[in-house]
Amino acid sequence: MTILENDAALAAQDAAEAAARVPTVVTTKRHGSPFDRGSADYYYGRAYRPHYFVGATYSSAEVTDLTAQELAEYRAGWEEADRYGDQKDWG
């Protein structure tokens, strides 16, 4: 292996390791999903309380014991609403 080939291989390995450290959040924006609940909680000024509903919001079972992926989705919904300053004006 030449020095250039070795440098390219090391650069590729560094890129792969860096990509592995950045979590990829695939969100489902279905009404009642973790992402939906996170954005709704932020919008309505409610507390940060990771949860979601298995079906329709408030008329199906609520899940509060979230997986790491579901927590990431809830957080993504919350942070997206925060990033855009999307919050209900109650006044």
PDB file of N, CA and C in Angstrom:
ATOM      1  N   MET A   1       0.849  -1.172   0.000  1.00  0.00           N
ATOM      2  CA  MET A   1       0.000   0.000   0.000  1.00  0.00           C
ATOM      3  C   MET A   1       0.892   1.232   0.000  1.00  0.00           C
ATOM      4  N   THR A   2       0.581   2.172  -0.891  1.00  0.00           N
ATOM      5  CA  THR A   2       1.374   3.402  -0.953  1.00  0.00           C
ATOM      6  C   THR A   2       0.949   4.347   0.158  1.00  0.00           C
ATOM      7  N   ILE A   3       1.739   5.385   0.349  1.00  0.00           N
ATOM      8  CA  ILE A   3       1.408   6.383   1.370  1.00  0.00           C
ATOM      9  C   ILE A   3       0.071   7.044   1.051  1.00  0.00           C
ATOM     10  N   LEU A   4      -0.173   7.360  -0.215  1.00  0.00           N
ATOM     11  CA  LEU A   4      -1.439   7.988  -0.598  1.00  0.00           C
ATOM     12  C   LEU A   4      -2.622   7.059  -0.351  1.00  0.00           C
ATOM     13  N   GLU A   5      -2.459   5.771  -0.679  1.00  0.00           N
ATOM     14  CA  GLU A   5      -3.528   4.808  -0.434  1.00  0.00           C
ATOM     15  C   GLU A   5      -3.790   4.672   1.065  1.00  0.00           C
ATOM     16  N   ASN A   6      -2.710   4.659   1.853  1.00  0.00           N
ATOM     17  CA  ASN A   6      -2.843   4.557   3.301  1.00  0.00           C
ATOM     18  C   ASN A   6      -3.552   5.792   3.854  1.00  0.00           C
ATOM     19  N   ASP A   7      -3.177   6.985   3.370  1.00  0.00           N
ATOM     20  CA  ASP A   7      -3.820   8.217   3.821  1.00  0.00           C
ATOM     21  C   ASP A   7      -5.311   8.201   3.481  1.00  0.00           C
ATOM     22  N   ALA A   8      -5.654   7.735   2.293  1.00  0.00           N
ATOM     23  CA  ALA A   8      -7.053   7.670   1.878  1.00  0.00           C
ATOM     24  C   ALA A   8      -7.815   6.674   2.753  1.00  0.00           C
ATOM     25  N   ALA A   9      -7.189   5.557   3.059  1.00  0.00           N
ATOM     26  CA  ALA A   9      -7.837   4.550   3.902  1.00  0.00           C
ATOM     27  C   ALA A   9      -8.062   5.098   5.310  1.00  0.00           C
ATOM     28  N   LEU A  10      -7.072   5.805   5.848  1.00  0.00           N
ATOM     29  CA  LEU A  10      -7.218   6.383   7.183  1.00  0.00           C
ATOM     30  C   LEU A  10      -8.286   7.474   7.189  1.00  0.00           C
ATOM     31  N   ALA A  11      -8.332   8.284   6.130  1.00  0.00           N
ATOM     32  CA  ALA A  11      -9.349   9.336   6.038  1.00  0.00           C
ATOM     33  C   ALA A  11     -10.744   8.725   5.969  1.00  0.00           C
ATOM     34  N   ALA A  12     -10.895   7.650   5.219  1.00  0.00           N
ATOM     35  CA  ALA A  12     -12.187   6.968   5.119  1.00  0.00           C
ATOM     36  C   ALA A  12     -12.588   6.387   6.468  1.00  0.00           C
ATOM     37  N   GLN A  13     -11.625   5.808   7.174  1.00  0.00           N
ATOM     38  CA  GLN A  13     -11.904   5.252   8.492  1.00  0.00           C
ATOM     39  C   GLN A  13     -12.311   6.358   9.457  1.00  0.00           C
ATOM     40  N   ASP A  14     -11.609   7.500   9.420  1.00  0.00           N
ATOM     41  CA  ASP A  14     -11.953   8.632  10.287  1.00  0.00           C
ATOM     42  C   ASP A  14     -13.370   9.122  10.001  1.00  0.00           C
ATOM     43  N   ALA A  15     -13.723   9.212   8.721  1.00  0.00           N
ATOM     44  CA  ALA A  15     -15.062   9.672   8.344  1.00  0.00           C
ATOM     45  C   ALA A  15     -16.127   8.704   8.829  1.00  0.00           C
ATOM     46  N   ALA A  16     -15.867   7.412   8.704  1.00  0.00           N
ATOM     47  CA  ALA A  16     -16.827   6.408   9.154  1.00  0.00           C
ATOM     48  C   ALA A  16     -17.004   6.463  10.669  1.00  0.00           C
ATOM     49  N   GLU A  17     -15.915   6.642  11.390  1.00  0.00           N
ATOM     50  CA  GLU A  17     -16.001   6.728  12.849  1.00  0.00           C
ATOM     51  C   GLU A  17     -16.731   7.998  13.280  1.00  0.00           C
ATOM     52  N   ALA A  18     -16.488   9.099  12.588  1.00  0.00           N
ATOM     53  CA  ALA A  18     -17.173  10.348  12.912  1.00  0.00           C
ATOM     54  C   ALA A  18     -18.669  10.218  12.648  1.00  0.00           C
ATOM     55  N   ALA A  19     -19.025   9.588  11.541  1.00  0.00           N
ATOM     56  CA  ALA A  19     -20.441   9.399  11.211  1.00  0.00           C
ATOM     57  C   ALA A  19     -21.117   8.502  12.234  1.00  0.00           C
ATOM     58  N   ALA A  20     -20.405   7.531  12.754  1.00  0.00           N
ATOM     59  CA  ALA A  20     -20.978   6.612  13.733  1.00  0.00           C
ATOM     60  C   ALA A  20     -21.255   7.326  15.060  1.00  0.00           C
ATOM     61  N   ARG A  21     -20.517   8.394  15.355  1.00  0.00           N
ATOM     62  CA  ARG A  21     -20.720   9.130  16.601  1.00  0.00           C
ATOM     63  C   ARG A  21     -21.921  10.064  16.531  1.00  0.00           C
ATOM     64  N   VAL A  22     -22.360  10.428  15.330  1.00  0.00           N
ATOM     65  CA  VAL A  22     -23.487  11.337  15.169  1.00  0.00           C
ATOM     66  C   VAL A  22     -24.756  10.508  15.030  1.00  0.00           C
ATOM     67  N   PRO A  23     -25.645  10.570  16.004  1.00  0.00           N
ATOM     68  CA  PRO A  23     -26.858   9.762  15.915  1.00  0.00           C
ATOM     69  C   PRO A  23     -27.764  10.236  14.787  1.00  0.00           C
ATOM     70  N   THR A  24     -28.315   9.310  14.072  1.00  0.00           N
ATOM     71  CA  THR A  24     -29.262   9.615  13.023  1.00  0.00           C
ATOM     72  C   THR A  24     -30.646   9.342  13.576  1.00  0.00           C
ATOM     73  N   VAL A  25     -31.481  10.347  13.556  1.00  0.00           N
ATOM     74  CA  VAL A  25     -32.826  10.200  14.083  1.00  0.00           C
ATOM     75  C   VAL A  25     -33.784  10.143  12.908  1.00  0.00           C
ATOM     76  N   VAL A  26     -34.428   9.011  12.774  1.00  0.00           N
ATOM     77  CA  VAL A  26     -35.469   8.859  11.764  1.00  0.00           C
ATOM     78  C   VAL A  26     -36.778   9.034  12.500  1.00  0.00           C
ATOM     79  N   THR A  27     -37.501  10.077  12.156  1.00  0.00           N
ATOM     80  CA  THR A  27     -38.708  10.371  12.917  1.00  0.00           C
ATOM     81  C   THR A  27     -39.962   9.976  12.166  1.00  0.00           C
ATOM     82  N   THR A  28     -40.935   9.594  12.925  1.00  0.00           N
ATOM     83  CA  THR A  28     -42.275   9.363  12.424  1.00  0.00           C
ATOM     84  C   THR A  28     -43.106  10.517  12.949  1.00  0.00           C
ATOM     85  N   LYS A  29     -43.659  11.302  12.051  1.00  0.00           N
ATOM     86  CA  LYS A  29     -44.392  12.487  12.487  1.00  0.00           C
ATOM     87  C   LYS A  29     -45.889  12.224  12.632  1.00  0.00           C
ATOM     88  N   ARG A  30     -46.252  10.946  12.747  1.00  0.00           N
ATOM     89  CA  ARG A  30     -47.644  10.563  12.955  1.00  0.00           C
ATOM     90  C   ARG A  30     -48.175  11.237  14.214  1.00  0.00           C
ATOM     91  N   HIS A  31     -49.431  11.630  14.179  1.00  0.00           N
ATOM     92  CA  HIS A  31     -50.050  12.238  15.352  1.00  0.00           C
ATOM     93  C   HIS A  31     -49.976  11.247  16.512  1.00  0.00           C
ATOM     94  N   GLY A  32     -49.396  11.677  17.604  1.00  0.00           N
ATOM     95  CA  GLY A  32     -49.230  10.823  18.770  1.00  0.00           C
ATOM     96  C   GLY A  32     -47.856  10.199  18.879  1.00  0.00           C
ATOM     97  N   SER A  33     -47.027  10.324  17.817  1.00  0.00           N
ATOM     98  CA  SER A  33     -45.678   9.740  17.823  1.00  0.00           C
ATOM     99  C   SER A  33     -44.776  10.487  18.797  1.00  0.00           C
ATOM    100  N   PRO A  34     -43.623   9.917  19.146  1.00  0.00           N
ATOM    101  CA  PRO A  34     -42.708  10.626  20.040  1.00  0.00           C
ATOM    102  C   PRO A  34     -42.326  12.018  19.502  1.00  0.00           C
ATOM    103  N   PHE A  35     -42.049  12.111  18.201  1.00  0.00           N
ATOM    104  CA  PHE A  35     -41.698  13.404  17.602  1.00  0.00           C
ATOM    105  C   PHE A  35     -42.857  14.387  17.754  1.00  0.00           C
ATOM    106  N   ASP A  36     -44.056  13.938  17.437  1.00  0.00           N
ATOM    107  CA  ASP A  36     -45.253  14.777  17.535  1.00  0.00           C
ATOM    108  C   ASP A  36     -45.470  15.254  18.963  1.00  0.00           C
ATOM    109  N   ARG A  37     -45.340  14.352  19.931  1.00  0.00           N
ATOM    110  CA  ARG A  37     -45.548  14.726  21.333  1.00  0.00           C
ATOM    111  C   ARG A  37     -44.489  15.708  21.804  1.00  0.00           C
ATOM    112  N   GLY A  38     -43.216  15.514  21.372  1.00  0.00           N
ATOM    113  CA  GLY A  38     -42.155  16.451  21.761  1.00  0.00           C
ATOM    114  C   GLY A  38     -42.420  17.846  21.229  1.00  0.00           C
ATOM    115  N   SER A  39     -42.815  17.934  19.962  1.00  0.00           N
ATOM    116  CA  SER A  39     -43.080  19.252  19.388  1.00  0.00           C
ATOM    117  C   SER A  39     -44.333  19.874  20.011  1.00  0.00           C
ATOM    118  N   ALA A  40     -45.357  19.060  20.285  1.00  0.00           N
ATOM    119  CA  ALA A  40     -46.578  19.585  20.911  1.00  0.00           C
ATOM    120  C   ALA A  40     -46.307  20.064  22.333  1.00  0.00           C
ATOM    121  N   ASP A  41     -45.523  19.302  23.090  1.00  0.00           N
ATOM    122  CA  ASP A  41     -45.211  19.721  24.457  1.00  0.00           C
ATOM    123  C   ASP A  41     -44.495  21.063  24.457  1.00  0.00           C
ATOM    124  N   TYR A  42     -43.534  21.229  23.546  1.00  0.00           N
ATOM    125  CA  TYR A  42     -42.828  22.511  23.470  1.00  0.00           C
ATOM    126  C   TYR A  42     -43.798  23.615  23.061  1.00  0.00           C
ATOM    127  N   TYR A  43     -44.579  23.379  22.018  1.00  0.00           N
ATOM    128  CA  TYR A  43     -45.494  24.383  21.478  1.00  0.00           C
ATOM    129  C   TYR A  43     -46.454  24.900  22.544  1.00  0.00           C
ATOM    130  N   TYR A  44     -47.006  24.000  23.338  1.00  0.00           N
ATOM    131  CA  TYR A  44     -47.986  24.389  24.349  1.00  0.00           C
ATOM    132  C   TYR A  44     -47.355  24.784  25.679  1.00  0.00           C
ATOM    133  N   GLY A  45     -46.025  24.825  25.748  1.00  0.00           N
ATOM    134  CA  GLY A  45     -45.344  25.256  26.960  1.00  0.00           C
ATOM    135  C   GLY A  45     -45.404  24.248  28.088  1.00  0.00           C
ATOM    136  N   ARG A  46     -45.603  22.984  27.723  1.00  0.00           N
ATOM    137  CA  ARG A  46     -45.646  21.936  28.746  1.00  0.00           C
ATOM    138  C   ARG A  46     -44.222  21.499  29.109  1.00  0.00           C
ATOM    139  N   ALA A  47     -44.108  20.760  30.180  1.00  0.00           N
ATOM    140  CA  ALA A  47     -42.813  20.247  30.639  1.00  0.00           C
ATOM    141  C   ALA A  47     -42.250  19.236  29.643  1.00  0.00           C
ATOM    142  N   TYR A  48     -40.939  19.112  29.659  1.00  0.00           N
ATOM    143  CA  TYR A  48     -40.248  18.104  28.854  1.00  0.00           C
ATOM    144  C   TYR A  48     -40.525  16.761  29.514  1.00  0.00           C
ATOM    145  N   ARG A  49     -41.414  15.970  28.909  1.00  0.00           N
ATOM    146  CA  ARG A  49     -41.825  14.695  29.487  1.00  0.00           C
ATOM    147  C   ARG A  49     -41.955  13.666  28.364  1.00  0.00           C
ATOM    148  N   PRO A  50     -40.853  12.973  28.048  1.00  0.00           N
ATOM    149  CA  PRO A  50     -40.880  12.024  26.929  1.00  0.00           C
ATOM    150  C   PRO A  50     -41.982  10.976  27.079  1.00  0.00           C
ATOM    151  N   HIS A  51     -42.829  10.903  26.065  1.00  0.00           N
ATOM    152  CA  HIS A  51     -43.936   9.952  26.014  1.00  0.00           C
ATOM    153  C   HIS A  51     -44.474   9.934  24.594  1.00  0.00           C
ATOM    154  N   TYR A  52     -45.341   9.004  24.316  1.00  0.00           N
ATOM    155  CA  TYR A  52     -46.070   8.981  23.055  1.00  0.00           C
ATOM    156  C   TYR A  52     -47.288   8.099  23.214  1.00  0.00           C
ATOM    157  N   PHE A  53     -48.134   8.101  22.207  1.00  0.00           N
ATOM    158  CA  PHE A  53     -49.337   7.284  22.221  1.00  0.00           C
ATOM    159  C   PHE A  53     -49.240   6.245  21.110  1.00  0.00           C
ATOM    160  N   VAL A  54     -49.705   5.041  21.367  1.00  0.00           N
ATOM    161  CA  VAL A  54     -49.607   3.966  20.373  1.00  0.00           C
ATOM    162  C   VAL A  54     -50.562   4.189  19.208  1.00  0.00           C
ATOM    163  N   GLY A  55     -51.593   4.951  19.436  1.00  0.00           N
ATOM    164  CA  GLY A  55     -52.553   5.280  18.381  1.00  0.00           C
ATOM    165  C   GLY A  55     -52.879   6.754  18.474  1.00  0.00           C
ATOM    166  N   ALA A  56     -54.166   7.049  18.463  1.00  0.00           N
ATOM    167  CA  ALA A  56     -54.604   8.436  18.532  1.00  0.00           C
ATOM    168  C   ALA A  56     -54.240   9.048  19.888  1.00  0.00           C
ATOM    169  N   THR A  57     -53.822  10.298  19.858  1.00  0.00           N
ATOM    170  CA  THR A  57     -53.434  11.011  21.065  1.00  0.00           C
ATOM    171  C   THR A  57     -54.592  11.093  22.039  1.00  0.00           C
ATOM    172  N   TYR A  58     -54.307  10.769  23.284  1.00  0.00           N
ATOM    173  CA  TYR A  58     -55.231  10.810  24.413  1.00  0.00           C
ATOM    174  C   TYR A  58     -56.362   9.776  24.355  1.00  0.00           C
ATOM    175  N   SER A  59     -56.513   9.057  23.243  1.00  0.00           N
ATOM    176  CA  SER A  59     -57.559   8.030  23.218  1.00  0.00           C
ATOM    177  C   SER A  59     -56.974   6.645  22.966  1.00  0.00           C
ATOM    178  N   SER A  60     -55.658   6.515  23.133  1.00  0.00           N
ATOM    179  CA  SER A  60     -54.999   5.212  23.057  1.00  0.00           C
ATOM    180  C   SER A  60     -53.977   5.145  24.188  1.00  0.00           C
ATOM    181  N   ALA A  61     -53.350   4.007  24.312  1.00  0.00           N
ATOM    182  CA  ALA A  61     -52.390   3.815  25.406  1.00  0.00           C
ATOM    183  C   ALA A  61     -51.214   4.774  25.294  1.00  0.00           C
ATOM    184  N   GLU A  62     -50.829   5.341  26.441  1.00  0.00           N
ATOM    185  CA  GLU A  62     -49.680   6.232  26.513  1.00  0.00           C
ATOM    186  C   GLU A  62     -48.459   5.431  26.945  1.00  0.00           C
ATOM    187  N   VAL A  63     -47.336   5.650  26.264  1.00  0.00           N
ATOM    188  CA  VAL A  63     -46.083   4.964  26.577  1.00  0.00           C
ATOM    189  C   VAL A  63     -45.118   5.980  27.181  1.00  0.00           C
ATOM    190  N   THR A  64     -44.593   5.666  28.370  1.00  0.00           N
ATOM    191  CA  THR A  64     -43.622   6.551  29.019  1.00  0.00           C
ATOM    192  C   THR A  64     -42.259   5.886  29.191  1.00  0.00           C
ATOM    193  N   ASP A  65     -42.180   4.589  28.949  1.00  0.00           N
ATOM    194  CA  ASP A  65     -40.920   3.840  29.033  1.00  0.00           C
ATOM    195  C   ASP A  65     -40.370   3.729  27.606  1.00  0.00           C
ATOM    196  N   LEU A  66     -39.691   4.777  27.156  1.00  0.00           N
ATOM    197  CA  LEU A  66     -39.257   4.881  25.769  1.00  0.00           C
ATOM    198  C   LEU A  66     -37.905   4.217  25.532  1.00  0.00           C
ATOM    199  N   THR A  67     -37.734   3.719  24.318  1.00  0.00           N
ATOM    200  CA  THR A  67     -36.431   3.202  23.898  1.00  0.00           C
ATOM    201  C   THR A  67     -35.525   4.389  23.592  1.00  0.00           C
ATOM    202  N   ALA A  68     -34.242   4.123  23.377  1.00  0.00           N
ATOM    203  CA  ALA A  68     -33.304   5.195  23.032  1.00  0.00           C
ATOM    204  C   ALA A  68     -33.732   5.897  21.750  1.00  0.00           C
ATOM    205  N   GLN A  69     -34.196   5.138  20.765  1.00  0.00           N
ATOM    206  CA  GLN A  69     -34.654   5.719  19.503  1.00  0.00           C
ATOM    207  C   GLN A  69     -35.872   6.613  19.732  1.00  0.00           C
ATOM    208  N   GLU A  70     -36.816   6.153  20.519  1.00  0.00           N
ATOM    209  CA  GLU A  70     -38.017   6.936  20.798  1.00  0.00           C
ATOM    210  C   GLU A  70     -37.685   8.204  21.576  1.00  0.00           C
ATOM    211  N   LEU A  71     -36.742   8.105  22.519  1.00  0.00           N
ATOM    212  CA  LEU A  71     -36.292   9.300  23.245  1.00  0.00           C
ATOM    213  C   LEU A  71     -35.662  10.308  22.290  1.00  0.00           C
ATOM    214  N   ALA A  72     -34.854   9.806  21.354  1.00  0.00           N
ATOM    215  CA  ALA A  72     -34.225  10.686  20.370  1.00  0.00           C
ATOM    216  C   ALA A  72     -35.278  11.361  19.498  1.00  0.00           C
ATOM    217  N   GLU A  73     -36.343  10.644  19.157  1.00  0.00           N
ATOM    218  CA  GLU A  73     -37.415  11.226  18.345  1.00  0.00           C
ATOM    219  C   GLU A  73     -38.165  12.300  19.127  1.00  0.00           C
ATOM    220  N   TYR A  74     -38.473  12.032  20.387  1.00  0.00           N
ATOM    221  CA  TYR A  74     -39.148  13.030  21.221  1.00  0.00           C
ATOM    222  C   TYR A  74     -38.285  14.292  21.306  1.00  0.00           C
ATOM    223  N   ARG A  75     -37.003  14.099  21.595  1.00  0.00           N
ATOM    224  CA  ARG A  75     -36.071  15.221  21.709  1.00  0.00           C
ATOM    225  C   ARG A  75     -35.994  15.997  20.399  1.00  0.00           C
ATOM    226  N   ALA A  76     -35.992  15.278  19.267  1.00  0.00           N
ATOM    227  CA  ALA A  76     -35.924  15.944  17.964  1.00  0.00           C
ATOM    228  C   ALA A  76     -37.157  16.811  17.735  1.00  0.00           C
ATOM    229  N   GLY A  77     -38.333  16.336  18.119  1.00  0.00           N
ATOM    230  CA  GLY A  77     -39.545  17.139  17.988  1.00  0.00           C
ATOM    231  C   GLY A  77     -39.488  18.380  18.854  1.00  0.00           C
ATOM    232  N   TRP A  78     -39.026  18.214  20.087  1.00  0.00           N
ATOM    233  CA  TRP A  78     -38.892  19.334  21.024  1.00  0.00           C
ATOM    234  C   TRP A  78     -37.901  20.357  20.474  1.00  0.00           C
ATOM    235  N   GLU A  79     -36.734  19.876  20.046  1.00  0.00           N
ATOM    236  CA  GLU A  79     -35.682  20.782  19.577  1.00  0.00           C
ATOM    237  C   GLU A  79     -36.050  21.474  18.269  1.00  0.00           C
ATOM    238  N   GLU A  80     -36.780  20.789  17.399  1.00  0.00           N
ATOM    239  CA  GLU A  80     -37.194  21.437  16.150  1.00  0.00           C
ATOM    240  C   GLU A  80     -38.151  22.593  16.446  1.00  0.00           C
ATOM    241  N   ALA A  81     -39.095  22.375  17.334  1.00  0.00           N
ATOM    242  CA  ALA A  81     -40.025  23.446  17.704  1.00  0.00           C
ATOM    243  C   ALA A  81     -39.273  24.592  18.366  1.00  0.00           C
ATOM    244  N   ASP A  82     -38.309  24.265  19.215  1.00  0.00           N
ATOM    245  CA  ASP A  82     -37.497  25.282  19.886  1.00  0.00           C
ATOM    246  C   ASP A  82     -36.666  26.064  18.884  1.00  0.00           C
ATOM    247  N   ARG A  83     -36.076  25.381  17.924  1.00  0.00           N
ATOM    248  CA  ARG A  83     -35.216  26.015  16.924  1.00  0.00           C
ATOM    249  C   ARG A  83     -35.983  27.070  16.127  1.00  0.00           C
ATOM    250  N   TYR A  84     -37.241  26.793  15.832  1.00  0.00           N
ATOM    251  CA  TYR A  84     -38.047  27.725  15.044  1.00  0.00           C
ATOM    252  C   TYR A  84     -38.870  28.663  15.921  1.00  0.00           C
ATOM    253  N   GLY A  85     -38.691  28.570  17.228  1.00  0.00           N
ATOM    254  CA  GLY A  85     -39.427  29.441  18.139  1.00  0.00           C
ATOM    255  C   GLY A  85     -40.927  29.239  18.031  1.00  0.00           C
ATOM    256  N   ASP A  86     -41.304  28.011  17.719  1.00  0.00           N
ATOM    257  CA  ASP A  86     -42.704  27.694  17.491  1.00  0.00           C
ATOM    258  C   ASP A  86     -43.384  27.409  18.820  1.00  0.00           C
ATOM    259  N   GLN A  87     -43.972  28.449  19.404  1.00  0.00           N
ATOM    260  CA  GLN A  87     -44.650  28.277  20.691  1.00  0.00           C
ATOM    261  C   GLN A  87     -45.943  29.093  20.690  1.00  0.00           C
ATOM    262  N   LYS A  88     -46.974  28.524  21.260  1.00  0.00           N
ATOM    263  CA  LYS A  88     -48.293  29.157  21.279  1.00  0.00           C
ATOM    264  C   LYS A  88     -48.246  30.475  22.055  1.00  0.00           C
ATOM    265  N   ASP A  89     -48.874  31.483  21.485  1.00  0.00           N
ATOM    266  CA  ASP A  89     -48.995  32.777  22.149  1.00  0.00           C
ATOM    267  C   ASP A  89     -50.311  32.763  22.930  1.00  0.00           C
ATOM    268  N   TRP A  90     -50.214  32.652  24.225  1.00  0.00           N
ATOM    269  CA  TRP A  90     -51.398  32.555  25.064  1.00  0.00           C
ATOM    270  C   TRP A  90     -52.003  33.928  25.373  1.00  0.00           C
ATOM    271  N   GLY A  91     -51.340  34.996  24.951  1.00  0.00           N
ATOM    272  CA  GLY A  91     -51.817  36.311  25.346  1.00  0.00           C
ATOM    273  C   GLY A  91     -52.452  37.050  24.280  1.00  0.00           C
TER     274      GLY A  91
END
